[in-house]
PDB file of N, CA and C in Angstrom:
ATOM      1  N   MET A   1     -12.395 -12.559  -8.436  1.00  0.00           N
ATOM      2  CA  MET A   1     -10.984 -12.616  -8.773  1.00  0.00           C
ATOM      3  C   MET A   1     -10.235 -13.097  -7.538  1.00  0.00           C
ATOM      4  N   ARG A   2      -9.347 -14.033  -7.729  1.00  0.00           N
ATOM      5  CA  ARG A   2      -8.529 -14.532  -6.633  1.00  0.00           C
ATOM      6  C   ARG A   2      -7.193 -13.808  -6.636  1.00  0.00           C
ATOM      7  N   VAL A   3      -6.797 -13.332  -5.465  1.00  0.00           N
ATOM      8  CA  VAL A   3      -5.538 -12.597  -5.335  1.00  0.00           C
ATOM      9  C   VAL A   3      -4.736 -13.179  -4.187  1.00  0.00           C
ATOM     10  N   LYS A   4      -3.446 -12.960  -4.241  1.00  0.00           N
ATOM     11  CA  LYS A   4      -2.539 -13.495  -3.229  1.00  0.00           C
ATOM     12  C   LYS A   4      -1.788 -12.341  -2.577  1.00  0.00           C
ATOM     13  N   CYS A   5      -1.753 -12.332  -1.252  1.00  0.00           N
ATOM     14  CA  CYS A   5      -1.051 -11.290  -0.511  1.00  0.00           C
ATOM     15  C   CYS A   5       0.451 -11.415  -0.755  1.00  0.00           C
ATOM     16  N   VAL A   6       1.086 -10.284  -0.933  1.00  0.00           N
ATOM     17  CA  VAL A   6       2.517 -10.261  -1.214  1.00  0.00           C
ATOM     18  C   VAL A   6       3.330 -10.687   0.011  1.00  0.00           C
ATOM     19  N   ILE A   7       2.860 -10.345   1.191  1.00  0.00           N
ATOM     20  CA  ILE A   7       3.639 -10.580   2.407  1.00  0.00           C
ATOM     21  C   ILE A   7       3.409 -11.972   2.994  1.00  0.00           C
ATOM     22  N   CYS A   8       2.130 -12.325   3.226  1.00  0.00           N
ATOM     23  CA  CYS A   8       1.850 -13.571   3.939  1.00  0.00           C
ATOM     24  C   CYS A   8       1.374 -14.703   3.029  1.00  0.00           C
ATOM     25  N   ASP A   9       1.267 -14.476   1.735  1.00  0.00           N
ATOM     26  CA  ASP A   9       0.848 -15.476   0.747  1.00  0.00           C
ATOM     27  C   ASP A   9      -0.550 -16.033   0.999  1.00  0.00           C
ATOM     28  N   GLU A  10      -1.395 -15.251   1.645  1.00  0.00           N
ATOM     29  CA  GLU A  10      -2.776 -15.659   1.872  1.00  0.00           C
ATOM     30  C   GLU A  10      -3.586 -15.381   0.604  1.00  0.00           C
ATOM     31  N   ILE A  11      -4.403 -16.339   0.194  1.00  0.00           N
ATOM     32  CA  ILE A  11      -5.210 -16.190  -1.017  1.00  0.00           C
ATOM     33  C   ILE A  11      -6.607 -15.742  -0.617  1.00  0.00           C
ATOM     34  N   GLU A  12      -7.079 -14.664  -1.236  1.00  0.00           N
ATOM     35  CA  GLU A  12      -8.404 -14.121  -0.966  1.00  0.00           C
ATOM     36  C   GLU A  12      -9.148 -13.934  -2.266  1.00  0.00           C
ATOM     37  N   ALA A  13     -10.460 -13.794  -2.152  1.00  0.00           N
ATOM     38  CA  ALA A  13     -11.296 -13.519  -3.320  1.00  0.00           C
ATOM     39  C   ALA A  13     -11.844 -12.102  -3.200  1.00  0.00           C
ATOM     40  N   ILE A  14     -11.687 -11.321  -4.263  1.00  0.00           N
ATOM     41  CA  ILE A  14     -12.248  -9.975  -4.299  1.00  0.00           C
ATOM     42  C   ILE A  14     -13.196  -9.889  -5.488  1.00  0.00           C
ATOM     43  N   GLU A  15     -14.064  -8.904  -5.464  1.00  0.00           N
ATOM     44  CA  GLU A  15     -15.033  -8.741  -6.538  1.00  0.00           C
ATOM     45  C   GLU A  15     -14.330  -8.358  -7.839  1.00  0.00           C
ATOM     46  N   ASP A  16     -14.821  -8.890  -8.949  1.00  0.00           N
ATOM     47  CA  ASP A  16     -14.211  -8.613 -10.243  1.00  0.00           C
ATOM     48  C   ASP A  16     -14.358  -7.163 -10.659  1.00  0.00           C
ATOM     49  N   GLU A  17     -15.429  -6.513 -10.240  1.00  0.00           N
ATOM     50  CA  GLU A  17     -15.682  -5.135 -10.658  1.00  0.00           C
ATOM     51  C   GLU A  17     -15.146  -4.095  -9.678  1.00  0.00           C
ATOM     52  N   SER A  18     -14.424  -4.505  -8.656  1.00  0.00           N
ATOM     53  CA  SER A  18     -13.931  -3.542  -7.667  1.00  0.00           C
ATOM     54  C   SER A  18     -12.762  -2.744  -8.243  1.00  0.00           C
ATOM     55  N   VAL A  19     -12.474  -1.630  -7.596  1.00  0.00           N
ATOM     56  CA  VAL A  19     -11.375  -0.763  -8.039  1.00  0.00           C
ATOM     57  C   VAL A  19     -10.041  -1.478  -7.888  1.00  0.00           C
ATOM     58  N   THR A  20      -9.883  -2.227  -6.818  1.00  0.00           N
ATOM     59  CA  THR A  20      -8.639  -2.959  -6.587  1.00  0.00           C
ATOM     60  C   THR A  20      -8.394  -3.987  -7.684  1.00  0.00           C
ATOM     61  N   ALA A  21      -9.433  -4.708  -8.065  1.00  0.00           N
ATOM     62  CA  ALA A  21      -9.297  -5.714  -9.124  1.00  0.00           C
ATOM     63  C   ALA A  21      -8.942  -5.055 -10.448  1.00  0.00           C
ATOM     64  N   LYS A  22      -9.532  -3.912 -10.715  1.00  0.00           N
ATOM     65  CA  LYS A  22      -9.227  -3.207 -11.960  1.00  0.00           C
ATOM     66  C   LYS A  22      -7.776  -2.752 -11.987  1.00  0.00           C
ATOM     67  N   ARG A  23      -7.279  -2.243 -10.859  1.00  0.00           N
ATOM     68  CA  ARG A  23      -5.878  -1.823 -10.788  1.00  0.00           C
ATOM     69  C   ARG A  23      -4.936  -2.998 -11.026  1.00  0.00           C
ATOM     70  N   LEU A  24      -5.264  -4.135 -10.417  1.00  0.00           N
ATOM     71  CA  LEU A  24      -4.392  -5.298 -10.556  1.00  0.00           C
ATOM     72  C   LEU A  24      -4.398  -5.833 -11.984  1.00  0.00           C
ATOM     73  N   ARG A  25      -5.523  -5.755 -12.654  1.00  0.00           N
ATOM     74  CA  ARG A  25      -5.596  -6.228 -14.034  1.00  0.00           C
ATOM     75  C   ARG A  25      -4.885  -5.295 -14.999  1.00  0.00           C
ATOM     76  N   ASN A  26      -5.095  -4.005 -14.860  1.00  0.00           N
ATOM     77  CA  ASN A  26      -4.582  -3.040 -15.834  1.00  0.00           C
ATOM     78  C   ASN A  26      -3.134  -2.640 -15.603  1.00  0.00           C
ATOM     79  N   ARG A  27      -2.692  -2.699 -14.370  1.00  0.00           N
ATOM     80  CA  ARG A  27      -1.313  -2.306 -14.068  1.00  0.00           C
ATOM     81  C   ARG A  27      -0.648  -3.414 -13.263  1.00  0.00           C
ATOM     82  N   PRO A  28       0.104  -4.267 -13.910  1.00  0.00           N
ATOM     83  CA  PRO A  28       0.708  -5.412 -13.213  1.00  0.00           C
ATOM     84  C   PRO A  28       1.709  -5.027 -12.133  1.00  0.00           C
ATOM     85  N   ILE A  29       2.180  -3.791 -12.123  1.00  0.00           N
ATOM     86  CA  ILE A  29       3.143  -3.374 -11.100  1.00  0.00           C
ATOM     87  C   ILE A  29       2.481  -3.273  -9.729  1.00  0.00           C
ATOM     88  N   HIS A  30       1.158  -3.044  -9.705  1.00  0.00           N
ATOM     89  CA  HIS A  30       0.447  -2.973  -8.439  1.00  0.00           C
ATOM     90  C   HIS A  30       0.370  -4.350  -7.814  1.00  0.00           C
ATOM     91  N   THR A  31       0.561  -4.410  -6.520  1.00  0.00           N
ATOM     92  CA  THR A  31       0.494  -5.685  -5.806  1.00  0.00           C
ATOM     93  C   THR A  31      -0.620  -5.624  -4.779  1.00  0.00           C
ATOM     94  N   TYR A  32      -1.073  -6.795  -4.339  1.00  0.00           N
ATOM     95  CA  TYR A  32      -2.175  -6.882  -3.394  1.00  0.00           C
ATOM     96  C   TYR A  32      -1.633  -7.202  -2.010  1.00  0.00           C
ATOM     97  N   MET A  33      -2.180  -6.525  -0.998  1.00  0.00           N
ATOM     98  CA  MET A  33      -1.832  -6.794   0.381  1.00  0.00           C
ATOM     99  C   MET A  33      -3.132  -6.985   1.164  1.00  0.00           C
ATOM    100  N   CYS A  34      -3.236  -8.078   1.937  1.00  0.00           N
ATOM    101  CA  CYS A  34      -4.464  -8.370   2.675  1.00  0.00           C
ATOM    102  C   CYS A  34      -4.681  -7.333   3.778  1.00  0.00           C
ATOM    103  N   LYS A  35      -5.882  -7.304   4.300  1.00  0.00           N
ATOM    104  CA  LYS A  35      -6.239  -6.296   5.305  1.00  0.00           C
ATOM    105  C   LYS A  35      -5.434  -6.463   6.588  1.00  0.00           C
ATOM    106  N   SER A  36      -5.170  -7.698   7.012  1.00  0.00           N
ATOM    107  CA  SER A  36      -4.423  -7.902   8.255  1.00  0.00           C
ATOM    108  C   SER A  36      -2.986  -7.395   8.122  1.00  0.00           C
ATOM    109  N   CYS A  37      -2.346  -7.654   7.005  1.00  0.00           N
ATOM    110  CA  CYS A  37      -0.981  -7.157   6.791  1.00  0.00           C
ATOM    111  C   CYS A  37      -0.971  -5.636   6.660  1.00  0.00           C
ATOM    112  N   SER A  38      -1.967  -5.100   5.985  1.00  0.00           N
ATOM    113  CA  SER A  38      -2.046  -3.661   5.803  1.00  0.00           C
ATOM    114  C   SER A  38      -2.219  -2.936   7.131  1.00  0.00           C
ATOM    115  N   THR A  39      -3.108  -3.417   7.991  1.00  0.00           N
ATOM    116  CA  THR A  39      -3.309  -2.773   9.296  1.00  0.00           C
ATOM    117  C   THR A  39      -2.086  -2.938  10.179  1.00  0.00           C
ATOM    118  N   ARG A  40      -1.428  -4.086  10.109  1.00  0.00           N
ATOM    119  CA  ARG A  40      -0.229  -4.309  10.926  1.00  0.00           C
ATOM    120  C   ARG A  40       0.874  -3.346  10.524  1.00  0.00           C
ATOM    121  N   ILE A  41       1.088  -3.152   9.233  1.00  0.00           N
ATOM    122  CA  ILE A  41       2.125  -2.231   8.759  1.00  0.00           C
ATOM    123  C   ILE A  41       1.767  -0.797   9.118  1.00  0.00           C
ATOM    124  N   THR A  42       0.498  -0.438   8.999  1.00  0.00           N
ATOM    125  CA  THR A  42       0.050   0.908   9.351  1.00  0.00           C
ATOM    126  C   THR A  42       0.294   1.202  10.821  1.00  0.00           C
ATOM    127  N   GLU A  43      -0.053   0.265  11.688  1.00  0.00           N
ATOM    128  CA  GLU A  43       0.147   0.461  13.132  1.00  0.00           C
ATOM    129  C   GLU A  43       1.623   0.598  13.470  1.00  0.00           C
ATOM    130  N   LYS A  44       2.463  -0.250  12.895  1.00  0.00           N
ATOM    131  CA  LYS A  44       3.895  -0.182  13.201  1.00  0.00           C
ATOM    132  C   LYS A  44       4.527   1.100  12.662  1.00  0.00           C
ATOM    133  N   THR A  45       4.088   1.544  11.489  1.00  0.00           N
ATOM    134  CA  THR A  45       4.614   2.788  10.928  1.00  0.00           C
ATOM    135  C   THR A  45       4.209   3.978  11.781  1.00  0.00           C
ATOM    136  N   ASN A  46       2.961   4.014  12.211  1.00  0.00           N
ATOM    137  CA  ASN A  46       2.504   5.110  13.086  1.00  0.00           C
ATOM    138  C   ASN A  46       3.246   5.108  14.412  1.00  0.00           C
ATOM    139  N   ALA A  47       3.546   3.930  14.951  1.00  0.00           N
ATOM    140  CA  ALA A  47       4.312   3.850  16.201  1.00  0.00           C
ATOM    141  C   ALA A  47       5.724   4.388  15.994  1.00  0.00           C
ATOM    142  N   ARG A  48       6.329   4.099  14.840  1.00  0.00           N
ATOM    143  CA  ARG A  48       7.669   4.619  14.555  1.00  0.00           C
ATOM    144  C   ARG A  48       7.653   6.123  14.364  1.00  0.00           C
ATOM    145  N   ILE A  49       6.599   6.652  13.749  1.00  0.00           N
ATOM    146  CA  ILE A  49       6.491   8.098  13.555  1.00  0.00           C
ATOM    147  C   ILE A  49       6.382   8.801  14.898  1.00  0.00           C
ATOM    148  N   GLU A  50       5.650   8.227  15.834  1.00  0.00           N
ATOM    149  CA  GLU A  50       5.471   8.836  17.156  1.00  0.00           C
ATOM    150  C   GLU A  50       6.755   8.878  17.962  1.00  0.00           C
ATOM    151  N   THR A  51       7.698   7.966  17.696  1.00  0.00           N
ATOM    152  CA  THR A  51       8.958   7.986  18.438  1.00  0.00           C
ATOM    153  C   THR A  51       9.827   9.167  18.036  1.00  0.00           C
ATOM    154  N   GLY A  52       9.635   9.682  16.835  1.00  0.00           N
ATOM    155  CA  GLY A  52      10.425  10.818  16.378  1.00  0.00           C
ATOM    156  C   GLY A  52      11.670  10.415  15.618  1.00  0.00           C
ATOM    157  N   ASN A  53      11.977   9.135  15.550  1.00  0.00           N
ATOM    158  CA  ASN A  53      13.167   8.670  14.835  1.00  0.00           C
ATOM    159  C   ASN A  53      12.873   8.302  13.387  1.00  0.00           C
ATOM    160  N   PHE A  54      11.662   8.462  12.951  1.00  0.00           N
ATOM    161  CA  PHE A  54      11.250   8.080  11.601  1.00  0.00           C
ATOM    162  C   PHE A  54      11.282   9.308  10.710  1.00  0.00           C
ATOM    163  N   ARG A  55      12.009   9.208   9.607  1.00  0.00           N
ATOM    164  CA  ARG A  55      12.056  10.302   8.653  1.00  0.00           C
ATOM    165  C   ARG A  55      11.541   9.803   7.314  1.00  0.00           C
ATOM    166  N   LEU A  56      10.673  10.565   6.738  1.00  0.00           N
ATOM    167  CA  LEU A  56      10.149  10.245   5.428  1.00  0.00           C
ATOM    168  C   LEU A  56      10.825  11.167   4.426  1.00  0.00           C
ATOM    169  N   TYR A  57      11.687  10.599   3.610  1.00  0.00           N
ATOM    170  CA  TYR A  57      12.452  11.393   2.653  1.00  0.00           C
ATOM    171  C   TYR A  57      11.622  11.590   1.395  1.00  0.00           C
ATOM    172  N   ARG A  58      11.246  12.816   1.157  1.00  0.00           N
ATOM    173  CA  ARG A  58      10.507  13.178  -0.043  1.00  0.00           C
ATOM    174  C   ARG A  58      11.279  14.269  -0.758  1.00  0.00           C
ATOM    175  N   THR A  59      11.132  14.292  -2.047  1.00  0.00           N
ATOM    176  CA  THR A  59      11.805  15.346  -2.800  1.00  0.00           C
ATOM    177  C   THR A  59      11.049  16.648  -2.587  1.00  0.00           C
ATOM    178  N   LYS A  60      11.800  17.691  -2.366  1.00  0.00           N
ATOM    179  CA  LYS A  60      11.182  18.991  -2.162  1.00  0.00           C
ATOM    180  C   LYS A  60      10.848  19.601  -3.503  1.00  0.00           C
ATOM    181  N   SER A  61       9.640  20.108  -3.609  1.00  0.00           N
ATOM    182  CA  SER A  61       9.225  20.724  -4.867  1.00  0.00           C
ATOM    183  C   SER A  61       9.753  22.157  -4.914  1.00  0.00           C
ATOM    184  N   GLU A  62      10.209  22.515  -6.078  1.00  0.00           N
ATOM    185  CA  GLU A  62      10.719  23.866  -6.256  1.00  0.00           C
ATOM    186  C   GLU A  62       9.556  24.781  -6.613  1.00  0.00           C
ATOM    187  N   LYS A  63       9.494  25.917  -5.952  1.00  0.00           N
ATOM    188  CA  LYS A  63       8.432  26.852  -6.225  1.00  0.00           C
ATOM    189  C   LYS A  63       8.803  27.728  -7.412  1.00  0.00           C
ATOM    190  N   ASP A  64       7.843  27.875  -8.301  1.00  0.00           N
ATOM    191  CA  ASP A  64       8.063  28.725  -9.459  1.00  0.00           C
ATOM    192  C   ASP A  64       7.830  30.178  -9.060  1.00  0.00           C
ATOM    193  N   GLU A  65       8.630  31.052  -9.632  1.00  0.00           N
ATOM    194  CA  GLU A  65       8.502  32.483  -9.361  1.00  0.00           C
ATOM    195  C   GLU A  65       7.264  33.064 -10.016  1.00  0.00           C
ATOM    196  N   TRP A  66       6.742  32.392 -11.031  1.00  0.00           N
ATOM    197  CA  TRP A  66       5.615  32.921 -11.785  1.00  0.00           C
ATOM    198  C   TRP A  66       4.403  32.687 -11.021  1.00  0.00           C
TER     199      TRP A  66
END
């Protein structure tokens, strides 16, 4: 299966039976990101987290009394 990276528009070939290919076929909302873009974003995000100025806003789950 040929896929295109969302960020850098690089075209790669992945196996048809892989989990990633199945996700892309069955759920069109999922997008593909190449390994170089993925590692670059991961490194930059981790660097921002280490500075202490990065906040990840998540909804707080309410605890049930039961």
